[in-house]
Protein backbone atom coordinates (compact mmCIF):
# COMPACT_ATOMS: atom_id res chain seq x y z
CA MET A 1 9.12 -32.77 10.57
CA ASP A 2 6.90 -32.88 7.71
CA LEU A 3 5.67 -31.59 3.69
CA LEU A 4 3.04 -29.01 5.00
CA SER A 5 5.09 -27.72 7.85
CA ALA A 6 8.26 -27.06 5.00
CA LEU A 7 5.56 -26.05 2.37
CA HIS A 8 4.47 -23.26 4.98
CA SER A 9 8.02 -22.25 5.47
CA PHE A 10 9.44 -22.36 2.35
CA VAL A 11 6.20 -19.68 1.56
CA ARG A 12 7.06 -17.20 4.08
CA VAL A 13 11.31 -17.02 3.03
CA ALA A 14 9.65 -16.80 -0.52
CA ALA A 15 7.62 -13.60 0.92
CA THR A 16 10.19 -12.46 3.30
CA GLY A 17 13.68 -13.38 1.28
CA SER A 18 15.19 -14.13 4.99
CA PHE A 19 15.64 -17.82 7.04
CA SER A 20 15.93 -15.43 10.15
CA ALA A 21 12.82 -13.30 9.52
CA VAL A 22 10.73 -16.03 9.39
CA SER A 23 12.42 -17.78 12.53
CA ARG A 24 11.49 -14.03 14.20
CA GLU A 25 8.32 -14.32 12.91
CA THR A 26 6.74 -17.91 13.79
CA GLY A 27 8.95 -18.60 16.62
CA VAL A 28 10.38 -21.47 15.02
CA SER A 29 14.34 -21.71 15.24
CA GLN A 30 16.23 -20.59 12.01
CA PRO A 31 18.17 -23.87 12.07
CA THR A 32 14.68 -25.39 11.88
CA ILE A 33 13.49 -23.33 8.89
CA SER A 34 16.67 -24.22 7.06
CA ARG A 35 15.93 -27.88 7.40
CA HIS A 36 12.59 -27.29 6.59
CA ILE A 37 13.95 -26.42 3.06
CA ALA A 38 16.44 -28.77 2.78
CA LEU A 39 13.42 -30.94 3.46
CA LEU A 40 11.99 -29.75 0.35
CA GLU A 41 14.89 -29.82 -2.07
CA ALA A 42 15.67 -33.35 -0.94
CA HIS A 43 12.12 -34.32 -1.66
CA TYR A 44 11.85 -32.79 -5.26
CA GLY A 45 15.25 -33.34 -5.94
CA THR A 46 16.18 -29.28 -7.08
CA THR A 47 17.17 -26.19 -5.37
CA LEU A 48 14.52 -23.72 -4.30
CA PHE A 49 16.97 -20.94 -3.38
CA ALA A 50 20.27 -19.79 -4.25
CA ARG A 51 22.41 -18.90 -1.05
CA THR A 52 25.05 -16.61 -0.57
CA THR A 53 26.55 -15.10 2.42
CA ARG A 54 25.10 -11.63 1.68
CA SER A 55 21.56 -13.02 -0.16
CA LEU A 56 19.07 -15.54 -0.87
CA MET A 57 17.35 -15.49 -4.27
CA MET A 58 15.08 -17.88 -5.37
CA THR A 59 15.65 -20.48 -8.30
CA GLU A 60 13.22 -20.96 -11.48
CA ASP A 61 12.44 -24.09 -9.87
CA GLY A 62 11.47 -22.07 -6.42
CA ARG A 63 9.48 -19.74 -8.32
CA SER A 64 7.77 -22.51 -10.23
CA LEU A 65 6.73 -24.50 -6.93
CA LEU A 66 5.70 -21.32 -4.93
CA PRO A 67 2.16 -21.06 -6.67
CA HIS A 68 1.20 -24.74 -5.71
CA ALA A 69 2.50 -24.18 -2.17
CA TYR A 70 0.25 -21.82 -1.48
CA GLU A 71 -2.39 -23.45 -2.94
CA VAL A 72 -1.70 -26.69 -1.01
CA LEU A 73 -1.90 -24.08 2.19
CA GLU A 74 -4.76 -22.35 1.54
CA ILE A 75 -6.92 -25.58 1.07
CA LEU A 76 -5.63 -26.90 4.13
CA GLU A 77 -6.45 -23.62 6.00
CA THR A 78 -9.67 -23.69 4.63
CA ALA A 79 -10.44 -27.11 5.01
CA GLU A 80 -9.79 -26.95 8.86
CA THR A 81 -11.67 -23.55 9.00
CA VAL A 82 -14.58 -25.49 7.91
CA LEU A 83 -14.18 -28.25 10.38
CA GLY A 84 -13.90 -26.34 12.75
CA ARG A 85 -10.61 -27.42 13.94
CA ARG A 86 -9.08 -23.91 14.93
CA ARG A 87 -9.74 -22.07 17.96
CA ALA A 88 -10.22 -18.85 15.49
CA SER A 89 -10.60 -18.52 12.22
CA VAL A 90 -8.06 -15.86 11.13
CA SER A 91 -4.98 -15.80 12.93
CA GLY A 92 -0.89 -14.98 12.22
CA LEU A 93 0.75 -11.98 11.28
CA VAL A 94 -0.14 -9.82 7.84
CA ARG A 95 2.77 -7.54 6.39
CA LEU A 96 1.27 -4.38 4.37
CA GLY A 97 3.08 -1.81 2.42
CA MET A 98 1.03 1.87 2.46
CA THR A 99 1.14 5.35 1.57
CA THR A 100 1.92 7.72 3.82
CA ALA A 101 -1.57 9.53 3.92
CA PHE A 102 -3.96 6.23 3.24
CA GLY A 103 -1.55 4.20 6.04
CA LEU A 104 -2.26 6.67 8.83
CA TYR A 105 -6.12 6.57 7.92
CA PHE A 106 -5.86 2.67 7.51
CA THR A 107 -4.07 2.28 11.42
CA SER A 108 -6.96 4.84 12.57
CA ARG A 109 -9.42 1.98 11.83
CA LEU A 110 -6.87 -0.62 12.53
CA GLY A 111 -8.95 -1.87 15.94
CA GLU A 112 -11.95 -2.82 14.54
CA LEU A 113 -10.04 -5.37 11.98
CA LEU A 114 -8.27 -6.71 15.47
CA GLU A 115 -11.47 -6.40 17.58
CA ARG A 116 -12.91 -9.28 15.10
CA HIS A 117 -10.07 -11.01 14.82
CA PRO A 118 -8.08 -10.85 18.27
CA ASP A 119 -5.78 -13.64 17.20
CA LEU A 120 -4.46 -11.47 14.36
CA SER A 121 -1.48 -9.35 13.67
CA VAL A 122 -0.69 -6.93 11.58
CA GLU A 123 2.14 -4.89 10.49
CA VAL A 124 2.53 -2.14 8.41
CA VAL A 125 5.19 -0.52 6.68
CA ILE A 126 4.31 3.31 5.21
CA ARG A 127 6.05 4.79 2.80
CA ASP A 128 5.57 6.58 -0.15
CA GLY A 129 7.14 5.38 -3.14
CA PHE A 130 7.37 1.56 -5.15
CA GLY A 131 9.28 -1.59 -3.03
CA ASP A 132 9.53 -4.86 -4.24
CA LEU A 133 7.37 -6.97 -2.26
CA VAL A 134 9.11 -10.32 -1.94
CA GLU A 135 12.32 -8.26 -1.19
CA GLU A 136 10.31 -6.41 1.55
CA GLY A 137 8.61 -9.66 2.92
CA LEU A 138 5.08 -7.73 2.20
CA ASP A 139 2.13 -9.50 1.87
CA LEU A 140 0.07 -6.83 0.58
CA ALA A 141 0.56 -3.22 -0.94
CA VAL A 142 -1.34 -0.43 -1.63
CA ARG A 143 -0.30 1.01 -4.53
CA VAL A 144 -1.51 4.41 -6.46
CA GLY A 145 -1.75 4.81 -10.39
CA ASP A 146 -1.53 2.19 -12.91
CA ILE A 147 0.04 -1.23 -12.35
CA ALA A 148 3.12 -1.75 -14.52
CA GLU A 149 4.80 -4.75 -13.18
CA GLY A 150 3.16 -7.83 -14.84
CA SER A 151 3.91 -10.20 -12.06
CA LEU A 152 1.70 -8.36 -9.65
CA ILE A 153 -1.89 -9.83 -9.13
CA ALA A 154 -4.19 -6.06 -8.49
CA ARG A 155 -7.57 -5.50 -7.03
CA LYS A 156 -8.63 -1.89 -7.30
CA LEU A 157 -10.00 -0.32 -4.13
CA GLY A 158 -11.25 3.07 -5.82
CA VAL A 159 -9.99 5.96 -7.16
CA VAL A 160 -8.13 8.93 -5.31
CA ARG A 161 -9.57 12.36 -5.64
CA LYS A 162 -7.22 15.42 -5.60
CA TRP A 163 -7.56 18.63 -4.40
CA LEU A 164 -5.64 22.03 -4.49
CA VAL A 165 -5.34 23.74 -1.22
CA ALA A 166 -3.61 26.51 0.60
CA SER A 167 -4.14 28.19 4.06
CA PRO A 168 -6.02 31.15 4.89
CA VAL A 169 -2.90 32.75 5.95
CA CYS A 170 -1.13 31.92 2.88
CA LEU A 171 -3.72 33.58 0.62
CA ALA A 172 -4.16 36.55 2.53
CA ARG A 173 -0.22 37.25 2.00
CA CYS A 174 -0.45 36.32 -1.53
CA GLY A 175 -3.64 36.61 -2.70
CA THR A 176 -6.52 34.11 -4.37
CA PRO A 177 -5.72 32.88 -7.79
CA GLN A 178 -8.76 33.64 -9.97
CA HIS A 179 -7.66 31.45 -12.59
CA PRO A 180 -5.65 28.17 -13.01
CA ARG A 181 -3.26 30.07 -15.12
CA ASP A 182 -2.53 32.39 -12.41
CA LEU A 183 -0.99 29.41 -10.49
CA PRO A 184 2.62 30.01 -11.56
CA GLU A 185 2.68 33.12 -9.69
CA TYR A 186 2.04 31.77 -6.65
CA PRO A 187 4.87 29.63 -4.08
CA ALA A 188 4.18 26.04 -4.81
CA ILE A 189 4.67 22.80 -2.27
CA VAL A 190 5.37 19.82 -4.34
CA TYR A 191 4.44 16.11 -3.65
CA ASN A 192 7.29 14.57 -5.58
CA TYR A 193 5.10 11.19 -5.42
CA GLY A 194 7.32 8.94 -8.37
CA GLY A 195 9.00 9.87 -11.04
CA GLY A 196 8.86 12.83 -14.03
CA ARG A 197 7.23 15.94 -13.78
CA HIS A 198 4.67 17.12 -11.71
CA ASP A 199 2.43 19.18 -13.60
CA TRP A 200 -0.83 19.85 -11.84
CA HIS A 201 -3.60 19.40 -14.80
CA LEU A 202 -7.09 21.16 -14.25
CA PHE A 203 -10.15 21.00 -16.71
CA ARG A 204 -13.23 22.69 -16.89
CA ASP A 205 -16.00 21.97 -19.46
CA GLU A 206 -13.62 21.75 -23.01
CA GLU A 207 -10.93 24.55 -21.10
CA GLU A 208 -7.23 22.83 -19.99
CA SER A 209 -5.06 24.11 -18.01
CA VAL A 210 -1.69 22.39 -17.75
CA ILE A 211 0.39 24.42 -15.01
CA ALA A 212 3.93 23.72 -13.97
CA PRO A 213 4.28 24.75 -10.34
CA SER A 214 6.95 27.24 -8.65
CA THR A 215 7.92 24.99 -6.52
CA VAL A 216 9.55 26.74 -3.36
CA PHE A 217 9.35 22.87 -1.34
CA ARG A 218 9.08 19.76 -2.45
CA ALA A 219 8.69 16.36 -0.12
CA ASN A 220 7.90 12.75 -0.90
CA SER A 221 6.26 12.47 1.71
CA SER A 222 2.47 14.30 1.73
CA GLU A 223 2.27 14.51 5.34
CA ALA A 224 5.36 16.42 4.91
CA VAL A 225 3.29 18.17 1.98
CA LEU A 226 0.08 18.67 4.07
CA SER A 227 2.13 20.42 7.22
CA ALA A 228 4.19 22.36 4.77
CA VAL A 229 0.77 23.81 3.58
CA LEU A 230 -0.80 24.26 7.29
CA ALA A 231 2.61 26.57 7.88
CA ASP A 232 1.30 28.71 5.43
CA ILE A 233 4.23 28.31 2.65
CA GLY A 234 2.50 28.02 -0.09
CA ILE A 235 -0.55 25.82 -2.37
CA GLY A 236 -0.64 22.19 -2.59
CA LEU A 237 -2.34 19.43 -4.53
CA LEU A 238 -3.20 16.33 -1.76
CA PRO A 239 -5.42 13.53 -1.31
CA GLU A 240 -8.71 15.09 -0.83
CA PHE A 241 -9.72 12.16 1.76
CA GLN A 242 -6.30 14.01 3.56
CA VAL A 243 -7.58 17.81 3.04
CA ARG A 244 -11.80 17.18 3.22
CA GLU A 245 -11.89 17.59 7.42
CA GLY A 246 -8.91 20.56 7.44
CA VAL A 247 -11.36 22.28 4.43
CA GLU A 248 -14.84 21.94 6.39
CA GLU A 249 -12.87 23.13 9.71
CA GLY A 250 -11.23 26.48 8.14
CA LYS A 251 -7.99 25.74 8.40
CA LEU A 252 -7.72 25.11 4.35
CA VAL A 253 -9.10 26.26 1.25
CA ARG A 254 -10.25 24.34 -1.42
CA LEU A 255 -9.20 26.03 -4.96
CA PHE A 256 -10.93 26.19 -8.32
CA PRO A 257 -13.68 23.51 -6.63
CA ASP A 258 -15.55 23.78 -10.36
CA TRP A 259 -12.52 22.59 -11.97
CA ARG A 260 -11.84 18.68 -12.37
CA ILE A 261 -8.13 17.31 -11.53
CA PRO A 262 -7.61 14.15 -12.57
CA ASN A 263 -8.26 10.91 -10.51
CA LEU A 264 -5.66 8.36 -9.20
CA PRO A 265 -6.35 4.64 -9.41
CA PHE A 266 -5.50 3.25 -6.13
CA TYR A 267 -5.07 -0.70 -5.97
CA ALA A 268 -4.25 -3.17 -3.32
CA VAL A 269 -1.49 -5.90 -4.91
CA HIS A 270 0.25 -8.80 -3.71
CA THR A 271 2.28 -10.88 -5.30
CA GLY A 272 0.85 -14.63 -4.98
CA PRO A 273 -1.59 -16.73 -6.51
CA ARG A 274 -5.32 -15.64 -6.61
CA THR A 275 -6.34 -17.70 -3.57
CA LEU A 276 -5.07 -15.94 -0.55
CA PRO A 277 -4.00 -17.39 2.57
CA LEU A 278 -7.42 -16.85 5.04
CA ARG A 279 -5.32 -13.80 7.39
CA THR A 280 -4.30 -12.16 4.00
CA ARG A 281 -7.77 -12.75 1.94
CA THR A 282 -9.24 -11.17 5.72
CA VAL A 283 -7.02 -7.95 5.76
CA LEU A 284 -7.59 -7.30 1.67
CA ASP A 285 -11.66 -7.62 2.10
CA PHE A 286 -11.16 -5.01 5.30
CA LEU A 287 -8.84 -2.63 3.04
CA VAL A 288 -12.40 -2.87 0.37
CA GLU A 289 -14.48 -2.03 3.17
CA VAL A 290 -12.00 0.98 4.34
CA SER A 291 -11.38 2.48 0.82
CA SER A 292 -14.75 2.47 0.36
CA GLU A 293 -15.61 5.04 2.81
CA VAL A 294 -13.07 7.61 0.90
CA LEU A 295 -12.15 6.11 -1.86
CA ARG A 296 -15.34 6.18 -4.01
CA ASP A 297 -15.61 8.33 -7.42
CA ASP A 298 -19.20 8.84 -6.45
CA LEU A 299 -18.80 11.09 -3.16
CA PRO A 300 -19.73 14.48 -3.46
CA ALA A 301 -17.01 16.96 -4.68
C-alpha cells in the first residue's frame, strides 16, 4: 500500500462522502479504502474524516489536505500522459450534475465525447435545483444564475436566453396578447426553478414590463413546463435552446420577439483545485464546446 493510492482514495471519499461509493466506483474493496484512509491519518498524525454510524464528514485537516492531494495526483497523471505510460490519455468516471433541459441536450451529444475517449465513463445526475457537490459526489455541475457559494470554482459557459411561447391551439382558444401587460389575463405555466418570485421581465427600448403571471400550473422541471405548453394549457417562459426547434416547426409560437427578456449566466462549477484531474478537465472542455453552440449571446434572436 502506498501514499499515492491512499491519496487517490482520499480525494474520492471526499468527493462522494462514502467509502462504499468509492469501492463501487473503483472496484477496490471497502476495507482497502478504509486502510488507505487509516494510512494517511497515521502518516500525517491527524484525523481526516469524522465518522459516525450515519455520516462521514471531512475534518478541518482533511479540508486542508484536499487541494494538495488533488495537485499531487494531477502532476502524476500529467507526467504519465506525457511519457506515454497510459493505454489511453483519458480514463475513469466523471459524475456531472445538470439541469433538465441542458442535461438532455448534453446527453444527445455525449456519444461524440465517448467516441474520442473510449476509456472514459460519464454519469449524469439530472435535477433542476442546487445541491451540494461534495455530498452528492459530483465532479462537475452546471448552475444557472449568479454563483453565491464562495467555495465553488466557476467557469462561465455562456448565457441562457429565454422565450415566451405558447401553442397555436392555446392562442386560438385564448387569443394572442398584443402587449406584455395583457399577459396576466392569460393562463401561465411557471418554471419555479430556485426560490423567490417568478415575475416575467420584458424590456423594449426605454419601456419595461414586470408581469406577475396568472399561474395555472407550475413545476420545478423545465421539461414538465414544456410538456404543459405543448398540451395547450397556457403560456410558458423557457430556455431558447429548448423551444427553438418547436417554434421553427410550428408547434410553438414565440410571443413578443421584439421585446428583450434578461439572459441568465450559465456556469460549470467544481469544488476541487483549479488544476483538475485529466478526465474531469476533458469533460469540462467538452461542456464548453457543446455550450458554445447553444448558449452564445451573439446567436440570432
